[in-house]
């Protein structure tokens, strides 16, 4: 991996991590996201189809959050423990 591609990955993960952290902070504070209002703001307000799209986007965010956690574990792993676990998968 070249230096520039590594820089791009670090920046992308940082931005994604910031978005996920804001989402999680809102969840911790008990912020209840109004899906209808959010769908209107995103232009997905075409009834049930828009709500489905929005829910799929939120599910995708949850999946990405899990992937970021795995990447953080890989990046901070000092030994080969995690590499061995990944190889077994």
PDB file of N, CA and C in Angstrom:
ATOM      1  N   UNK A   1       0.858  -1.175   0.000  1.00  0.00           N
ATOM      2  CA  UNK A   1       0.000   0.000   0.000  1.00  0.00           C
ATOM      3  C   UNK A   1       0.901   1.234   0.000  1.00  0.00           C
ATOM      4  N   UNK A   2       0.589   2.154  -0.885  1.00  0.00           N
ATOM      5  CA  UNK A   2       1.404   3.354  -0.960  1.00  0.00           C
ATOM      6  C   UNK A   2       1.023   4.336   0.152  1.00  0.00           C
ATOM      7  N   UNK A   3       1.865   5.301   0.334  1.00  0.00           N
ATOM      8  CA  UNK A   3       1.637   6.307   1.368  1.00  0.00           C
ATOM      9  C   UNK A   3       0.336   7.056   1.126  1.00  0.00           C
ATOM     10  N   UNK A   4       0.079   7.435  -0.131  1.00  0.00           N
ATOM     11  CA  UNK A   4      -1.103   8.230  -0.425  1.00  0.00           C
ATOM     12  C   UNK A   4      -2.391   7.433  -0.239  1.00  0.00           C
ATOM     13  N   UNK A   5      -2.366   6.164  -0.606  1.00  0.00           N
ATOM     14  CA  UNK A   5      -3.582   5.375  -0.398  1.00  0.00           C
ATOM     15  C   UNK A   5      -3.843   5.163   1.090  1.00  0.00           C
ATOM     16  N   UNK A   6      -2.774   5.037   1.869  1.00  0.00           N
ATOM     17  CA  UNK A   6      -2.936   4.900   3.310  1.00  0.00           C
ATOM     18  C   UNK A   6      -3.513   6.192   3.901  1.00  0.00           C
ATOM     19  N   UNK A   7      -3.059   7.327   3.424  1.00  0.00           N
ATOM     20  CA  UNK A   7      -3.579   8.608   3.901  1.00  0.00           C
ATOM     21  C   UNK A   7      -5.063   8.729   3.574  1.00  0.00           C
ATOM     22  N   UNK A   8      -5.443   8.329   2.368  1.00  0.00           N
ATOM     23  CA  UNK A   8      -6.850   8.381   1.975  1.00  0.00           C
ATOM     24  C   UNK A   8      -7.687   7.483   2.881  1.00  0.00           C
ATOM     25  N   UNK A   9      -7.211   6.276   3.166  1.00  0.00           N
ATOM     26  CA  UNK A   9      -7.942   5.355   4.045  1.00  0.00           C
ATOM     27  C   UNK A   9      -8.086   5.926   5.448  1.00  0.00           C
ATOM     28  N   UNK A  10      -7.043   6.519   5.973  1.00  0.00           N
ATOM     29  CA  UNK A  10      -7.103   7.082   7.319  1.00  0.00           C
ATOM     30  C   UNK A  10      -8.117   8.227   7.376  1.00  0.00           C
ATOM     31  N   UNK A  11      -8.093   9.092   6.383  1.00  0.00           N
ATOM     32  CA  UNK A  11      -9.035  10.212   6.349  1.00  0.00           C
ATOM     33  C   UNK A  11     -10.462   9.689   6.212  1.00  0.00           C
ATOM     34  N   UNK A  12     -10.674   8.730   5.325  1.00  0.00           N
ATOM     35  CA  UNK A  12     -12.023   8.183   5.115  1.00  0.00           C
ATOM     36  C   UNK A  12     -12.544   7.525   6.387  1.00  0.00           C
ATOM     37  N   UNK A  13     -11.707   6.746   7.051  1.00  0.00           N
ATOM     38  CA  UNK A  13     -12.127   6.098   8.289  1.00  0.00           C
ATOM     39  C   UNK A  13     -12.385   7.117   9.396  1.00  0.00           C
ATOM     40  N   UNK A  14     -11.606   8.182   9.416  1.00  0.00           N
ATOM     41  CA  UNK A  14     -11.821   9.222  10.419  1.00  0.00           C
ATOM     42  C   UNK A  14     -13.162   9.921  10.213  1.00  0.00           C
ATOM     43  N   UNK A  15     -13.474  10.237   8.992  1.00  0.00           N
ATOM     44  CA  UNK A  15     -14.750  10.885   8.694  1.00  0.00           C
ATOM     45  C   UNK A  15     -15.904   9.947   9.027  1.00  0.00           C
ATOM     46  N   UNK A  16     -15.801   8.707   8.590  1.00  0.00           N
ATOM     47  CA  UNK A  16     -16.841   7.728   8.877  1.00  0.00           C
ATOM     48  C   UNK A  16     -16.980   7.509  10.379  1.00  0.00           C
ATOM     49  N   UNK A  17     -15.859   7.438  11.068  1.00  0.00           N
ATOM     50  CA  UNK A  17     -15.891   7.281  12.517  1.00  0.00           C
ATOM     51  C   UNK A  17     -16.571   8.456  13.199  1.00  0.00           C
ATOM     52  N   UNK A  18     -16.341   9.663  12.718  1.00  0.00           N
ATOM     53  CA  UNK A  18     -16.989  10.841  13.286  1.00  0.00           C
ATOM     54  C   UNK A  18     -18.497  10.809  13.100  1.00  0.00           C
ATOM     55  N   UNK A  19     -18.918  10.375  11.929  1.00  0.00           N
ATOM     56  CA  UNK A  19     -20.360  10.275  11.672  1.00  0.00           C
ATOM     57  C   UNK A  19     -20.984   9.232  12.585  1.00  0.00           C
ATOM     58  N   UNK A  20     -20.333   8.089  12.691  1.00  0.00           N
ATOM     59  CA  UNK A  20     -20.851   7.015  13.539  1.00  0.00           C
ATOM     60  C   UNK A  20     -20.865   7.442  14.999  1.00  0.00           C
ATOM     61  N   UNK A  21     -19.847   8.150  15.443  1.00  0.00           N
ATOM     62  CA  UNK A  21     -19.799   8.598  16.837  1.00  0.00           C
ATOM     63  C   UNK A  21     -20.942   9.568  17.143  1.00  0.00           C
ATOM     64  N   UNK A  22     -21.244  10.466  16.227  1.00  0.00           N
ATOM     65  CA  UNK A  22     -22.362  11.385  16.437  1.00  0.00           C
ATOM     66  C   UNK A  22     -23.676  10.624  16.522  1.00  0.00           C
ATOM     67  N   UNK A  23     -23.832   9.623  15.681  1.00  0.00           N
ATOM     68  CA  UNK A  23     -25.040   8.799  15.704  1.00  0.00           C
ATOM     69  C   UNK A  23     -25.150   8.072  17.046  1.00  0.00           C
ATOM     70  N   UNK A  24     -24.029   7.512  17.498  1.00  0.00           N
ATOM     71  CA  UNK A  24     -24.041   6.773  18.763  1.00  0.00           C
ATOM     72  C   UNK A  24     -24.281   7.694  19.958  1.00  0.00           C
ATOM     73  N   UNK A  25     -23.692   8.881  19.925  1.00  0.00           N
ATOM     74  CA  UNK A  25     -23.927   9.838  21.013  1.00  0.00           C
ATOM     75  C   UNK A  25     -25.398  10.205  21.087  1.00  0.00           C
ATOM     76  N   UNK A  26     -26.022  10.355  19.949  1.00  0.00           N
ATOM     77  CA  UNK A  26     -27.452  10.642  19.923  1.00  0.00           C
ATOM     78  C   UNK A  26     -28.262   9.494  20.494  1.00  0.00           C
ATOM     79  N   UNK A  27     -27.861   8.273  20.180  1.00  0.00           N
ATOM     80  CA  UNK A  27     -28.557   7.106  20.729  1.00  0.00           C
ATOM     81  C   UNK A  27     -28.397   7.037  22.245  1.00  0.00           C
ATOM     82  N   UNK A  28     -27.184   7.337  22.730  1.00  0.00           N
ATOM     83  CA  UNK A  28     -26.910   7.285  24.172  1.00  0.00           C
ATOM     84  C   UNK A  28     -27.722   8.344  24.915  1.00  0.00           C
ATOM     85  N   UNK A  29     -27.873   9.500  24.323  1.00  0.00           N
ATOM     86  CA  UNK A  29     -28.629  10.576  24.960  1.00  0.00           C
ATOM     87  C   UNK A  29     -30.131  10.361  24.858  1.00  0.00           C
ATOM     88  N   UNK A  30     -30.514   9.310  24.182  1.00  0.00           N
ATOM     89  CA  UNK A  30     -31.934   9.014  24.070  1.00  0.00           C
ATOM     90  C   UNK A  30     -32.631   9.812  22.994  1.00  0.00           C
ATOM     91  N   UNK A  31     -31.866  10.305  22.045  1.00  0.00           N
ATOM     92  CA  UNK A  31     -32.471  11.045  20.956  1.00  0.00           C
ATOM     93  C   UNK A  31     -33.250  10.056  20.094  1.00  0.00           C
ATOM     94  N   UNK A  32     -34.512  10.328  19.932  1.00  0.00           N
ATOM     95  CA  UNK A  32     -35.349   9.473  19.103  1.00  0.00           C
ATOM     96  C   UNK A  32     -35.473  10.124  17.736  1.00  0.00           C
ATOM     97  N   UNK A  33     -34.853   9.518  16.768  1.00  0.00           N
ATOM     98  CA  UNK A  33     -34.876  10.090  15.438  1.00  0.00           C
ATOM     99  C   UNK A  33     -36.248   9.901  14.818  1.00  0.00           C
ATOM    100  N   UNK A  34     -36.826  10.998  14.362  1.00  0.00           N
ATOM    101  CA  UNK A  34     -38.110  10.956  13.686  1.00  0.00           C
ATOM    102  C   UNK A  34     -37.845  10.545  12.243  1.00  0.00           C
ATOM    103  N   UNK A  35     -38.175   9.307  11.926  1.00  0.00           N
ATOM    104  CA  UNK A  35     -37.855   8.781  10.610  1.00  0.00           C
ATOM    105  C   UNK A  35     -38.591   9.528   9.499  1.00  0.00           C
ATOM    106  N   UNK A  36     -39.811   9.971   9.758  1.00  0.00           N
ATOM    107  CA  UNK A  36     -40.552  10.716   8.733  1.00  0.00           C
ATOM    108  C   UNK A  36     -39.873  12.044   8.418  1.00  0.00           C
ATOM    109  N   UNK A  37     -39.461  12.744   9.462  1.00  0.00           N
ATOM    110  CA  UNK A  37     -38.803  14.046   9.278  1.00  0.00           C
ATOM    111  C   UNK A  37     -37.454  13.860   8.573  1.00  0.00           C
ATOM    112  N   UNK A  38     -36.727  12.822   8.978  1.00  0.00           N
ATOM    113  CA  UNK A  38     -35.435  12.548   8.359  1.00  0.00           C
ATOM    114  C   UNK A  38     -35.613  12.141   6.903  1.00  0.00           C
ATOM    115  N   UNK A  39     -36.637  11.343   6.618  1.00  0.00           N
ATOM    116  CA  UNK A  39     -36.908  10.938   5.233  1.00  0.00           C
ATOM    117  C   UNK A  39     -37.249  12.155   4.378  1.00  0.00           C
ATOM    118  N   UNK A  40     -38.010  13.101   4.929  1.00  0.00           N
ATOM    119  CA  UNK A  40     -38.328  14.333   4.197  1.00  0.00           C
ATOM    120  C   UNK A  40     -37.067  15.121   3.887  1.00  0.00           C
ATOM    121  N   UNK A  41     -36.189  15.221   4.876  1.00  0.00           N
ATOM    122  CA  UNK A  41     -34.956  15.986   4.697  1.00  0.00           C
ATOM    123  C   UNK A  41     -34.047  15.353   3.645  1.00  0.00           C
ATOM    124  N   UNK A  42     -34.086  14.027   3.545  1.00  0.00           N
ATOM    125  CA  UNK A  42     -33.235  13.327   2.584  1.00  0.00           C
ATOM    126  C   UNK A  42     -33.910  13.134   1.231  1.00  0.00           C
ATOM    127  N   UNK A  43     -35.149  13.559   1.126  1.00  0.00           N
ATOM    128  CA  UNK A  43     -35.865  13.403  -0.129  1.00  0.00           C
ATOM    129  C   UNK A  43     -36.383  11.998  -0.355  1.00  0.00           C
ATOM    130  N   UNK A  44     -36.597  11.261   0.707  1.00  0.00           N
ATOM    131  CA  UNK A  44     -37.080   9.880   0.609  1.00  0.00           C
ATOM    132  C   UNK A  44     -38.510   9.763   1.124  1.00  0.00           C
ATOM    133  N   UNK A  45     -39.266  10.824   1.026  1.00  0.00           N
ATOM    134  CA  UNK A  45     -40.573  10.860   1.675  1.00  0.00           C
ATOM    135  C   UNK A  45     -41.704  10.362   0.787  1.00  0.00           C
ATOM    136  N   UNK A  46     -41.487   9.280   0.094  1.00  0.00           N
ATOM    137  CA  UNK A  46     -42.550   8.748  -0.755  1.00  0.00           C
ATOM    138  C   UNK A  46     -43.269   7.588  -0.064  1.00  0.00           C
ATOM    139  N   UNK A  47     -43.683   7.819   1.151  1.00  0.00           N
ATOM    140  CA  UNK A  47     -44.476   6.833   1.902  1.00  0.00           C
ATOM    141  C   UNK A  47     -43.641   5.690   2.442  1.00  0.00           C
ATOM    142  N   UNK A  48     -44.210   4.494   2.380  1.00  0.00           N
ATOM    143  CA  UNK A  48     -43.559   3.303   2.946  1.00  0.00           C
ATOM    144  C   UNK A  48     -42.244   2.984   2.247  1.00  0.00           C
ATOM    145  N   UNK A  49     -42.168   3.246   0.953  1.00  0.00           N
ATOM    146  CA  UNK A  49     -40.931   2.975   0.216  1.00  0.00           C
ATOM    147  C   UNK A  49     -39.799   3.835   0.752  1.00  0.00           C
ATOM    148  N   UNK A  50     -40.087   5.097   1.051  1.00  0.00           N
ATOM    149  CA  UNK A  50     -39.074   5.990   1.611  1.00  0.00           C
ATOM    150  C   UNK A  50     -38.641   5.552   2.988  1.00  0.00           C
ATOM    151  N   UNK A  51     -39.601   5.093   3.782  1.00  0.00           N
ATOM    152  CA  UNK A  51     -39.274   4.607   5.130  1.00  0.00           C
ATOM    153  C   UNK A  51     -38.405   3.358   5.050  1.00  0.00           C
ATOM    154  N   UNK A  52     -38.692   2.486   4.089  1.00  0.00           N
ATOM    155  CA  UNK A  52     -37.877   1.279   3.909  1.00  0.00           C
ATOM    156  C   UNK A  52     -36.449   1.659   3.514  1.00  0.00           C
ATOM    157  N   UNK A  53     -36.326   2.619   2.592  1.00  0.00           N
ATOM    158  CA  UNK A  53     -34.997   3.064   2.169  1.00  0.00           C
ATOM    159  C   UNK A  53     -34.228   3.641   3.352  1.00  0.00           C
ATOM    160  N   UNK A  54     -34.920   4.435   4.167  1.00  0.00           N
ATOM    161  CA  UNK A  54     -34.274   5.064   5.316  1.00  0.00           C
ATOM    162  C   UNK A  54     -33.828   4.015   6.324  1.00  0.00           C
ATOM    163  N   UNK A  55     -34.695   3.053   6.601  1.00  0.00           N
ATOM    164  CA  UNK A  55     -34.331   1.995   7.538  1.00  0.00           C
ATOM    165  C   UNK A  55     -33.170   1.174   7.002  1.00  0.00           C
ATOM    166  N   UNK A  56     -33.146   0.935   5.696  1.00  0.00           N
ATOM    167  CA  UNK A  56     -32.024   0.189   5.131  1.00  0.00           C
ATOM    168  C   UNK A  56     -30.731   0.998   5.254  1.00  0.00           C
ATOM    169  N   UNK A  57     -30.835   2.330   5.115  1.00  0.00           N
ATOM    170  CA  UNK A  57     -29.643   3.179   5.293  1.00  0.00           C
ATOM    171  C   UNK A  57     -29.159   3.121   6.737  1.00  0.00           C
ATOM    172  N   UNK A  58     -30.075   3.164   7.695  1.00  0.00           N
ATOM    173  CA  UNK A  58     -29.683   3.086   9.103  1.00  0.00           C
ATOM    174  C   UNK A  58     -29.104   1.710   9.437  1.00  0.00           C
ATOM    175  N   UNK A  59     -29.655   0.659   8.838  1.00  0.00           N
ATOM    176  CA  UNK A  59     -29.083  -0.679   9.034  1.00  0.00           C
ATOM    177  C   UNK A  59     -27.681  -0.743   8.467  1.00  0.00           C
ATOM    178  N   UNK A  60     -27.485  -0.113   7.323  1.00  0.00           N
ATOM    179  CA  UNK A  60     -26.155  -0.093   6.703  1.00  0.00           C
ATOM    180  C   UNK A  60     -25.163   0.654   7.603  1.00  0.00           C
ATOM    181  N   UNK A  61     -25.608   1.717   8.239  1.00  0.00           N
ATOM    182  CA  UNK A  61     -24.738   2.450   9.164  1.00  0.00           C
ATOM    183  C   UNK A  61     -24.327   1.543  10.320  1.00  0.00           C
ATOM    184  N   UNK A  62     -25.275   0.761  10.831  1.00  0.00           N
ATOM    185  CA  UNK A  62     -24.949  -0.167  11.915  1.00  0.00           C
ATOM    186  C   UNK A  62     -23.931  -1.213  11.459  1.00  0.00           C
ATOM    187  N   UNK A  63     -24.086  -1.709  10.227  1.00  0.00           N
ATOM    188  CA  UNK A  63     -23.123  -2.675   9.700  1.00  0.00           C
ATOM    189  C   UNK A  63     -21.743  -2.047   9.557  1.00  0.00           C
ATOM    190  N   UNK A  64     -21.706  -0.821   9.060  1.00  0.00           N
ATOM    191  CA  UNK A  64     -20.425  -0.129   8.902  1.00  0.00           C
ATOM    192  C   UNK A  64     -19.767   0.134  10.246  1.00  0.00           C
ATOM    193  N   UNK A  65     -20.588   0.414  11.246  1.00  0.00           N
ATOM    194  CA  UNK A  65     -20.063   0.612  12.600  1.00  0.00           C
ATOM    195  C   UNK A  65     -19.349  -0.646  13.089  1.00  0.00           C
ATOM    196  N   UNK A  66     -19.942  -1.787  12.856  1.00  0.00           N
ATOM    197  CA  UNK A  66     -19.319  -3.050  13.253  1.00  0.00           C
ATOM    198  C   UNK A  66     -18.010  -3.268  12.495  1.00  0.00           C
ATOM    199  N   UNK A  67     -18.001  -2.925  11.217  1.00  0.00           N
ATOM    200  CA  UNK A  67     -16.786  -3.096  10.421  1.00  0.00           C
ATOM    201  C   UNK A  67     -15.673  -2.168  10.920  1.00  0.00           C
ATOM    202  N   UNK A  68     -16.030  -0.942  11.302  1.00  0.00           N
ATOM    203  CA  UNK A  68     -15.034  -0.003  11.826  1.00  0.00           C
ATOM    204  C   UNK A  68     -14.449  -0.544  13.129  1.00  0.00           C
ATOM    205  N   UNK A  69     -15.289  -1.143  13.979  1.00  0.00           N
ATOM    206  CA  UNK A  69     -14.785  -1.731  15.218  1.00  0.00           C
ATOM    207  C   UNK A  69     -13.772  -2.819  14.926  1.00  0.00           C
ATOM    208  N   UNK A  70     -14.057  -3.659  13.928  1.00  0.00           N
ATOM    209  CA  UNK A  70     -13.126  -4.722  13.554  1.00  0.00           C
ATOM    210  C   UNK A  70     -11.829  -4.123  13.021  1.00  0.00           C
ATOM    211  N   UNK A  71     -11.949  -3.103  12.187  1.00  0.00           N
ATOM    212  CA  UNK A  71     -10.746  -2.461  11.656  1.00  0.00           C
ATOM    213  C   UNK A  71      -9.921  -1.807  12.758  1.00  0.00           C
ATOM    214  N   UNK A  72     -10.577  -1.237  13.760  1.00  0.00           N
ATOM    215  CA  UNK A  72      -9.845  -0.656  14.882  1.00  0.00           C
ATOM    216  C   UNK A  72      -9.088  -1.740  15.645  1.00  0.00           C
ATOM    217  N   UNK A  73      -9.735  -2.888  15.828  1.00  0.00           N
ATOM    218  CA  UNK A  73      -9.050  -3.988  16.512  1.00  0.00           C
ATOM    219  C   UNK A  73      -7.849  -4.460  15.707  1.00  0.00           C
ATOM    220  N   UNK A  74      -8.008  -4.532  14.382  1.00  0.00           N
ATOM    221  CA  UNK A  74      -6.894  -4.952  13.533  1.00  0.00           C
ATOM    222  C   UNK A  74      -5.759  -3.942  13.611  1.00  0.00           C
ATOM    223  N   UNK A  75      -6.093  -2.659  13.576  1.00  0.00           N
ATOM    224  CA  UNK A  75      -5.068  -1.611  13.574  1.00  0.00           C
ATOM    225  C   UNK A  75      -4.322  -1.539  14.894  1.00  0.00           C
ATOM    226  N   UNK A  76      -4.961  -1.877  15.995  1.00  0.00           N
ATOM    227  CA  UNK A  76      -4.318  -1.759  17.295  1.00  0.00           C
ATOM    228  C   UNK A  76      -3.777  -3.079  17.822  1.00  0.00           C
ATOM    229  N   UNK A  77      -3.921  -4.165  17.059  1.00  0.00           N
ATOM    230  CA  UNK A  77      -3.443  -5.471  17.491  1.00  0.00           C
ATOM    231  C   UNK A  77      -1.917  -5.509  17.429  1.00  0.00           C
ATOM    232  N   UNK A  78      -1.305  -5.798  18.561  1.00  0.00           N
ATOM    233  CA  UNK A  78       0.157  -5.837  18.623  1.00  0.00           C
ATOM    234  C   UNK A  78       0.705  -7.188  18.175  1.00  0.00           C
ATOM    235  N   UNK A  79      -0.049  -8.238  18.368  1.00  0.00           N
ATOM    236  CA  UNK A  79       0.427  -9.570  18.027  1.00  0.00           C
ATOM    237  C   UNK A  79      -0.251 -10.110  16.789  1.00  0.00           C
ATOM    238  N   UNK A  80      -0.176 -11.392  16.629  1.00  0.00           N
ATOM    239  CA  UNK A  80      -0.776 -12.043  15.478  1.00  0.00           C
ATOM    240  C   UNK A  80      -2.092 -12.700  15.837  1.00  0.00           C
ATOM    241  N   UNK A  81      -2.604 -12.453  17.050  1.00  0.00           N
ATOM    242  CA  UNK A  81      -3.841 -13.103  17.488  1.00  0.00           C
ATOM    243  C   UNK A  81      -4.979 -12.835  16.522  1.00  0.00           C
ATOM    244  N   UNK A  82      -5.182 -11.575  16.191  1.00  0.00           N
ATOM    245  CA  UNK A  82      -6.295 -11.205  15.338  1.00  0.00           C
ATOM    246  C   UNK A  82      -6.094 -11.711  13.914  1.00  0.00           C
ATOM    247  N   UNK A  83      -4.868 -11.691  13.440  1.00  0.00           N
ATOM    248  CA  UNK A  83      -4.593 -12.209  12.101  1.00  0.00           C
ATOM    249  C   UNK A  83      -4.932 -13.695  12.023  1.00  0.00           C
ATOM    250  N   UNK A  84      -4.636 -14.407  13.086  1.00  0.00           N
ATOM    251  CA  UNK A  84      -4.969 -15.838  13.119  1.00  0.00           C
ATOM    252  C   UNK A  84      -6.473 -16.047  13.121  1.00  0.00           C
ATOM    253  N   UNK A  85      -7.188 -15.220  13.857  1.00  0.00           N
ATOM    254  CA  UNK A  85      -8.646 -15.329  13.896  1.00  0.00           C
ATOM    255  C   UNK A  85      -9.237 -15.044  12.516  1.00  0.00           C
ATOM    256  N   UNK A  86      -8.722 -14.034  11.845  1.00  0.00           N
ATOM    257  CA  UNK A  86      -9.219 -13.684  10.517  1.00  0.00           C
ATOM    258  C   UNK A  86      -8.935 -14.814   9.530  1.00  0.00           C
ATOM    259  N   UNK A  87      -7.751 -15.396   9.624  1.00  0.00           N
ATOM    260  CA  UNK A  87      -7.417 -16.495   8.738  1.00  0.00           C
ATOM    261  C   UNK A  87      -8.342 -17.686   8.941  1.00  0.00           C
ATOM    262  N   UNK A  88      -8.768 -17.913  10.181  1.00  0.00           N
ATOM    263  CA  UNK A  88      -9.686 -19.022  10.459  1.00  0.00           C
ATOM    264  C   UNK A  88     -11.068 -18.771   9.885  1.00  0.00           C
ATOM    265  N   UNK A  89     -11.436 -17.497   9.729  1.00  0.00           N
ATOM    266  CA  UNK A  89     -12.750 -17.186   9.166  1.00  0.00           C
ATOM    267  C   UNK A  89     -12.767 -17.532   7.706  1.00  0.00           C
TER     268      UNK A  89
END
